[in-house]
Amino acid sequence: MRRFVAGALTAGIVALNRIAIGGGGLITGLVGWALFMRYSVAALAIFGVAEQTVSPLNLVWLSLAVVGGVYAIYALRIAPSATETVLPTLREIVPVWLALMAATIVFIGSIIVHFERGQVLASTLNERESDLRAISTTRRWRSL
């Protein structure tokens, strides 16, 4: 539940930022983030039900799904309405932008997964340590 709230809050902040920036990329930016949130929530639901851990390969698939959705928006909405002077620039920029978007999703996702695993390991270690202390304290009292 915490992840859903964090994701929704982040999407809201990004949406407000895109609205404040304005310009021609407003709709595409908002739809791109909506797609990202949709795919992320779906992936989180799938992994939560299956009780799997998120691996870098899963992050790659997520990033490819997001990039595919954003490219579809570009191909169906932006490219047909672009003027002949802007289209060559878009053809040069969009592939690089999509590759960087995919790499960013995988990179930031890997960092988040790393810290979450560290928190899980630390809490498990604390729990096992308290169990060991309880056992050793019980044995000490029995020996007296």
Foldseek 3Di string as FASTA:
>chain_A
DVVLVVLVVVLVVQLVVLVVVDDDCNVLSNVLSVQLSVLVVVLCVVCVVVVHADDLVNLLVSLVSSLVVSVVCCVPPPQVPDDPVCNVVCVVPSVVVSVVSSVVSSVVVVVVSVVVVVVVVVVVVVVVVVVVVVVVVVVVVVVD
